[in-house]
Protein backbone atom coordinates (compact mmCIF):
# COMPACT_ATOMS: atom_id res chain seq x y z
CA MET A 1 0.00 0.00 0.00
CA LYS A 2 1.29 3.45 -0.93
CA ILE A 3 0.46 6.17 1.62
CA GLY A 4 1.03 9.91 1.47
CA TYR A 5 1.08 11.87 4.70
CA PHE A 6 0.29 15.57 5.22
CA ILE A 7 1.72 17.72 8.04
CA LEU A 8 0.74 21.34 8.70
CA LYS A 9 2.52 22.14 11.97
CA GLU A 10 6.29 21.90 11.70
CA GLU A 11 6.74 21.05 15.39
CA LEU A 12 4.82 17.83 14.83
CA ARG A 13 7.72 16.44 12.82
CA GLU A 14 9.53 15.72 16.10
CA ASN A 15 6.52 14.16 17.79
CA PRO A 16 7.53 10.67 19.03
CA GLN A 17 4.08 9.19 18.36
CA MET A 18 4.11 10.37 14.75
CA LEU A 19 7.66 9.14 14.17
CA ASP A 20 6.75 5.77 15.67
CA LEU A 21 3.67 5.50 13.45
CA ILE A 22 5.67 6.19 10.29
CA SER A 23 8.48 3.81 11.23
CA GLU A 24 6.09 0.99 12.16
CA LEU A 25 4.15 1.36 8.90
CA GLU A 26 7.38 1.33 6.92
CA ALA A 27 8.53 -1.74 8.84
CA ALA A 28 5.28 -3.42 7.75
CA SER A 29 6.23 -2.76 4.08
CA TYR A 30 3.96 0.24 3.52
CA GLU A 31 5.45 2.87 1.21
CA LEU A 32 5.18 6.32 2.84
CA TYR A 33 6.02 9.76 1.48
CA GLU A 34 5.12 13.36 2.35
CA ILE A 35 2.58 15.47 0.46
CA ARG A 36 2.71 19.27 0.57
CA SER A 37 0.75 20.08 -2.60
CA LYS A 38 -1.25 18.29 -5.28
CA ALA A 39 1.86 18.10 -7.44
CA ASP A 40 3.49 15.86 -4.82
CA VAL A 41 0.86 13.10 -5.15
CA ARG A 42 2.42 10.00 -6.67
CA PRO A 43 0.62 7.59 -9.01
CA GLU A 44 -1.17 4.65 -7.39
CA THR A 45 -1.36 6.32 -3.97
CA ASP A 46 -4.00 4.53 -1.88
CA LEU A 47 -4.71 7.07 0.85
CA VAL A 48 -3.47 10.15 2.70
CA LEU A 49 -2.76 10.36 6.42
CA SER A 50 -3.58 13.81 7.83
CA MET A 51 -1.27 14.31 10.83
CA GLY A 52 -2.65 16.87 13.30
CA GLY A 53 -6.14 18.05 14.14
CA ASP A 54 -9.24 19.12 12.23
CA GLY A 55 -7.48 22.19 10.81
CA THR A 56 -4.79 20.00 9.30
CA PHE A 57 -7.46 17.66 7.93
CA LEU A 58 -9.17 20.57 6.17
CA SER A 59 -5.87 21.67 4.62
CA ALA A 60 -5.18 18.12 3.44
CA ALA A 61 -8.69 17.96 1.97
CA HIS A 62 -8.06 21.17 0.00
CA VAL A 63 -5.04 19.46 -1.56
CA VAL A 64 -6.43 16.06 -2.52
CA SER A 65 -10.22 15.83 -2.13
CA ASP A 66 -11.05 16.68 -5.75
CA ILE A 67 -8.74 13.95 -7.07
CA GLY A 68 -10.57 11.27 -5.11
CA LEU A 69 -7.92 10.24 -2.57
CA PRO A 70 -9.33 8.99 0.76
CA ILE A 71 -8.09 10.84 3.86
CA LEU A 72 -7.51 9.27 7.28
CA GLY A 73 -7.14 11.71 10.15
CA VAL A 74 -4.52 10.98 12.81
CA ASN A 75 -5.26 13.16 15.82
CA PHE A 76 -2.43 14.92 17.60
CA GLY A 77 -4.66 17.85 18.54
CA ARG A 78 -7.60 18.31 20.89
CA ILE A 79 -11.26 18.14 19.80
CA GLY A 80 -11.48 16.31 16.49
CA PHE A 81 -14.52 15.34 14.47
CA LEU A 82 -12.94 14.97 11.04
CA CYS A 83 -9.64 13.91 12.58
CA GLU A 84 -10.58 11.75 15.57
CA ASN A 85 -8.22 8.76 15.56
CA ARG A 86 -5.25 8.25 17.86
CA PRO A 87 -1.99 7.03 16.25
CA ASP A 88 -2.06 3.57 17.86
CA ALA A 89 -5.63 2.97 16.63
CA VAL A 90 -4.64 4.00 13.08
CA LEU A 91 -1.75 1.54 12.97
CA LYS A 92 -3.93 -1.34 14.16
CA ALA A 93 -6.78 -0.52 11.75
CA LEU A 94 -4.52 -0.29 8.71
CA MET A 95 -2.70 -3.51 9.59
CA GLU A 96 -5.96 -5.41 10.09
CA GLY A 97 -8.09 -3.70 7.41
CA GLU A 98 -10.66 -2.53 9.96
CA PHE A 99 -11.84 0.64 8.26
CA SER A 100 -14.38 1.86 5.72
CA ILE A 101 -14.79 4.90 3.47
CA GLU A 102 -17.56 7.43 4.07
CA TYR A 103 -18.49 10.22 1.68
CA ARG A 104 -18.81 13.82 2.87
CA THR A 105 -20.44 16.61 0.87
CA VAL A 106 -18.25 19.51 -0.27
CA LEU A 107 -19.24 23.12 -1.03
CA ASN A 108 -18.32 24.80 -4.30
CA ALA A 109 -18.08 28.60 -3.91
CA THR A 110 -17.43 31.07 -6.72
CA LEU A 111 -17.13 34.86 -6.67
CA LYS A 112 -18.78 37.18 -9.17
CA GLY A 113 -18.20 40.89 -9.62
CA PRO A 114 -15.61 43.44 -10.80
CA GLY A 115 -12.14 42.07 -10.11
CA ALA A 116 -13.43 38.98 -8.29
CA ARG A 117 -11.56 36.56 -10.55
CA LYS A 118 -8.24 37.67 -9.04
CA SER A 119 -9.27 35.87 -5.84
CA ILE A 120 -9.90 32.49 -7.46
CA GLY A 121 -6.76 31.04 -5.81
CA MET A 122 -8.47 30.31 -2.47
CA LEU A 123 -11.56 28.83 -4.05
CA PRO A 124 -13.68 26.96 -4.79
CA TYR A 125 -14.03 23.99 -2.41
CA SER A 126 -14.89 23.86 1.29
CA VAL A 127 -15.53 20.84 3.50
CA ASN A 128 -17.04 22.62 6.53
CA GLU A 129 -18.37 26.04 5.59
CA VAL A 130 -18.26 29.29 3.70
CA ALA A 131 -18.77 32.35 5.91
CA VAL A 132 -19.00 36.13 5.57
CA HIS A 133 -17.95 38.34 8.52
CA ARG A 134 -17.92 42.06 9.16
CA SER A 135 -14.43 43.53 8.76
CA GLY A 136 -14.91 46.49 11.11
CA ALA A 137 -17.41 47.83 13.61
CA SER A 138 -20.33 48.18 11.20
CA VAL A 139 -23.05 45.54 11.09
CA LEU A 140 -23.55 43.70 7.82
CA GLY A 141 -26.76 43.53 5.85
CA VAL A 142 -26.40 40.08 4.28
CA HIS A 143 -28.65 39.49 1.28
CA VAL A 144 -29.36 35.84 0.50
CA SER A 145 -31.29 34.16 -2.28
CA VAL A 146 -32.00 30.43 -2.52
CA ASN A 147 -32.71 29.09 -5.99
CA GLY A 148 -33.52 32.64 -7.04
CA GLU A 149 -35.94 33.30 -4.16
CA THR A 150 -34.86 36.21 -1.95
CA LEU A 151 -34.83 35.76 1.82
CA PRO A 152 -35.31 38.63 4.29
CA THR A 153 -32.00 40.45 4.81
CA TYR A 154 -29.89 39.20 7.71
CA TRP A 155 -28.63 42.11 9.86
CA ALA A 156 -25.78 40.47 11.71
CA ASP A 157 -22.06 40.21 12.27
CA GLY A 158 -22.03 37.69 9.45
CA LEU A 159 -23.51 34.52 7.97
CA ILE A 160 -22.40 30.89 7.66
CA VAL A 161 -23.33 28.38 4.97
CA SER A 162 -22.35 24.98 6.31
CA THR A 163 -22.32 21.33 5.25
CA SER A 164 -23.39 18.52 7.57
CA SER A 165 -19.68 17.97 8.34
CA GLY A 166 -19.45 21.63 9.36
CA SER A 167 -22.50 21.34 11.62
CA THR A 168 -20.16 20.47 14.52
CA ALA A 169 -17.76 23.31 13.70
CA TYR A 170 -18.40 27.06 13.30
CA SER A 171 -22.13 26.58 12.66
CA LEU A 172 -22.54 24.81 16.01
CA SER A 173 -21.01 27.77 17.87
CA VAL A 174 -23.69 30.15 16.54
CA GLY A 175 -26.60 27.84 17.38
CA GLY A 176 -26.87 25.77 14.21
CA PRO A 177 -28.25 22.22 14.31
CA ILE A 178 -26.09 19.09 14.56
CA CYS A 179 -26.49 16.89 11.48
CA MET A 180 -25.39 13.30 10.94
CA PRO A 181 -22.42 13.27 8.53
CA ASP A 182 -24.29 11.51 5.72
CA THR A 183 -27.11 14.10 5.78
CA LYS A 184 -26.93 15.90 2.45
CA VAL A 185 -28.00 19.40 3.46
CA LEU A 186 -26.83 23.00 3.59
CA ILE A 187 -27.25 25.02 6.79
CA ILE A 188 -27.63 28.82 6.75
CA ALA A 189 -26.86 30.29 10.18
CA PRO A 190 -26.47 34.00 11.07
CA ILE A 191 -23.60 35.15 13.29
CA ALA A 192 -24.80 37.36 16.19
CA PRO A 193 -27.98 38.52 14.40
CA HIS A 194 -29.33 41.95 15.30
CA ASN A 195 -32.89 40.81 14.62
CA LEU A 196 -33.87 38.19 17.20
CA ASN A 197 -36.57 36.49 15.13
CA VAL A 198 -34.19 34.74 12.71
CA ARG A 199 -33.16 31.13 13.07
CA PRO A 200 -30.82 28.76 11.24
CA LEU A 201 -32.30 27.41 8.01
CA VAL A 202 -31.72 23.91 6.59
CA LEU A 203 -31.75 23.52 2.80
CA PRO A 204 -31.67 20.47 0.53
CA GLU A 205 -28.43 19.49 -1.21
CA THR A 206 -29.77 20.75 -4.55
CA ALA A 207 -30.04 24.35 -3.29
CA LYS A 208 -28.08 27.11 -4.98
CA VAL A 209 -27.30 30.03 -2.67
CA ASP A 210 -26.24 33.56 -3.65
CA ILE A 211 -24.90 35.96 -1.03
CA SER A 212 -24.11 39.67 -1.20
CA PHE A 213 -23.78 42.27 1.53
CA GLU A 214 -23.97 45.96 2.39
CA SER A 215 -21.88 47.71 5.01
CA ARG A 216 -20.55 51.19 5.78
CA ASP A 217 -17.07 49.61 5.70
CA GLY A 218 -17.52 48.67 2.04
CA VAL A 219 -15.70 45.36 2.50
CA ALA A 220 -16.20 42.13 4.44
CA ILE A 221 -14.18 39.04 5.29
CA MET A 222 -14.96 35.75 3.57
CA THR A 223 -13.68 32.47 4.99
CA THR A 224 -13.71 29.08 3.28
CA ASP A 225 -12.84 26.56 6.00
CA ASN A 226 -9.46 27.81 7.26
CA ARG A 227 -8.73 30.30 4.45
CA THR A 228 -9.50 34.02 4.55
CA LEU A 229 -10.15 36.67 1.90
CA GLU A 230 -11.33 40.30 1.88
CA ILE A 231 -14.29 40.75 -0.46
CA GLU A 232 -15.90 43.88 -1.85
CA GLN A 233 -19.46 45.12 -1.56
CA ASP A 234 -20.30 44.70 -5.25
CA TRP A 235 -19.28 41.05 -5.32
CA THR A 236 -21.62 38.05 -5.06
CA ILE A 237 -20.78 34.64 -3.60
CA HIS A 238 -22.45 31.71 -5.34
CA ILE A 239 -22.54 28.47 -3.32
CA GLU A 240 -23.72 25.00 -4.29
CA MET A 241 -22.71 21.40 -3.69
CA ALA A 242 -19.59 20.24 -5.53
CA GLN A 243 -19.92 17.44 -8.06
CA PHE A 244 -17.71 15.15 -5.95
CA SER A 245 -17.57 14.02 -2.33
CA LEU A 246 -14.73 13.97 0.15
CA LYS A 247 -13.64 10.41 0.88
CA ARG A 248 -12.99 10.12 4.61
CA ILE A 249 -11.68 6.92 6.12
CA ARG A 250 -13.54 5.87 9.26
CA LEU A 251 -12.10 3.27 11.61
CA ALA A 252 -14.36 0.43 12.70
CA GLU A 253 -14.21 1.46 16.36
CA SER A 254 -15.13 5.10 15.74
CA GLY A 255 -18.53 6.69 15.15
CA PHE A 256 -20.26 10.08 15.04
CA VAL A 257 -22.39 9.60 18.17
CA LYS A 258 -19.32 8.37 20.04
CA ALA A 259 -17.48 11.52 18.95
CA LEU A 260 -20.35 13.73 20.14
CA THR A 261 -20.47 12.13 23.57
CA SER A 262 -16.70 12.08 24.09
CA ARG A 263 -15.90 15.54 22.71
CA LEU A 264 -19.01 17.63 23.39
CA PHE A 265 -20.34 15.59 26.33
CA TRP A 266 -23.62 15.31 24.44
CA GLY A 267 -26.35 13.86 26.65
CA GLU A 268 -24.27 14.32 29.81
CA ASP A 269 -26.82 13.74 32.56
CA MET A 270 -26.55 11.95 35.88
CA ARG A 271 -29.58 9.88 34.83
CA ASN A 272 -27.56 8.51 31.87
CA ASN A 273 -24.64 7.33 33.95
CA GLY A 274 -26.24 4.09 35.09
């Protein structure tokens, strides 16, 4: 088996657990090499190990997701939903073949407007979310249309469009719903809305979302997962599902509900401890 591995944090290169994992896989006749960009991917590569936390997993996904390589997250961080597996569990699962591939939806975001094409480098794909934030003190008026139908303007600090994978990330922190990973939906969730009668909105996977904004600052900040860009007031963000899915390797012993209970203490109640 040929395995690429992706590292984001340089200090991790000296981590004893990571070095042990690589050496033990090589001792078992796996061929390992490092990936930094898409150009580094070698023919007949079977999978990519993302070494770090969820942020590293997202960066690895930006490199290889659209070429169909499965990604297995090896957790050296803290809370991990995309990257939840400890190094010793990864070694055992690969050696014994105790894993499966699940498919996660991916967002495709494009920018339209004068000069918007110069920003194409950070686009178009996002695993968790696309978000718009205010850049200064002024509130944003975020204009949203879904399949051509205009929604009431969101007056807020910003707006998130999330996948089901992203439902446990930024969207969760602003009150969005938790979705099972195989739920093919989009979630629209305002950030600190100034009108209290707005709630997160769940859309089907076929939805096409257009976003623009107005602000006294004239600019806003757009994020696509862990990438950031300043956008202008006369630009429009078009968001829809990508035509491919992210292949994420899930170990047999892991699961989404298990991750919720262990990381977010979901359902923590003295009556459930018996």
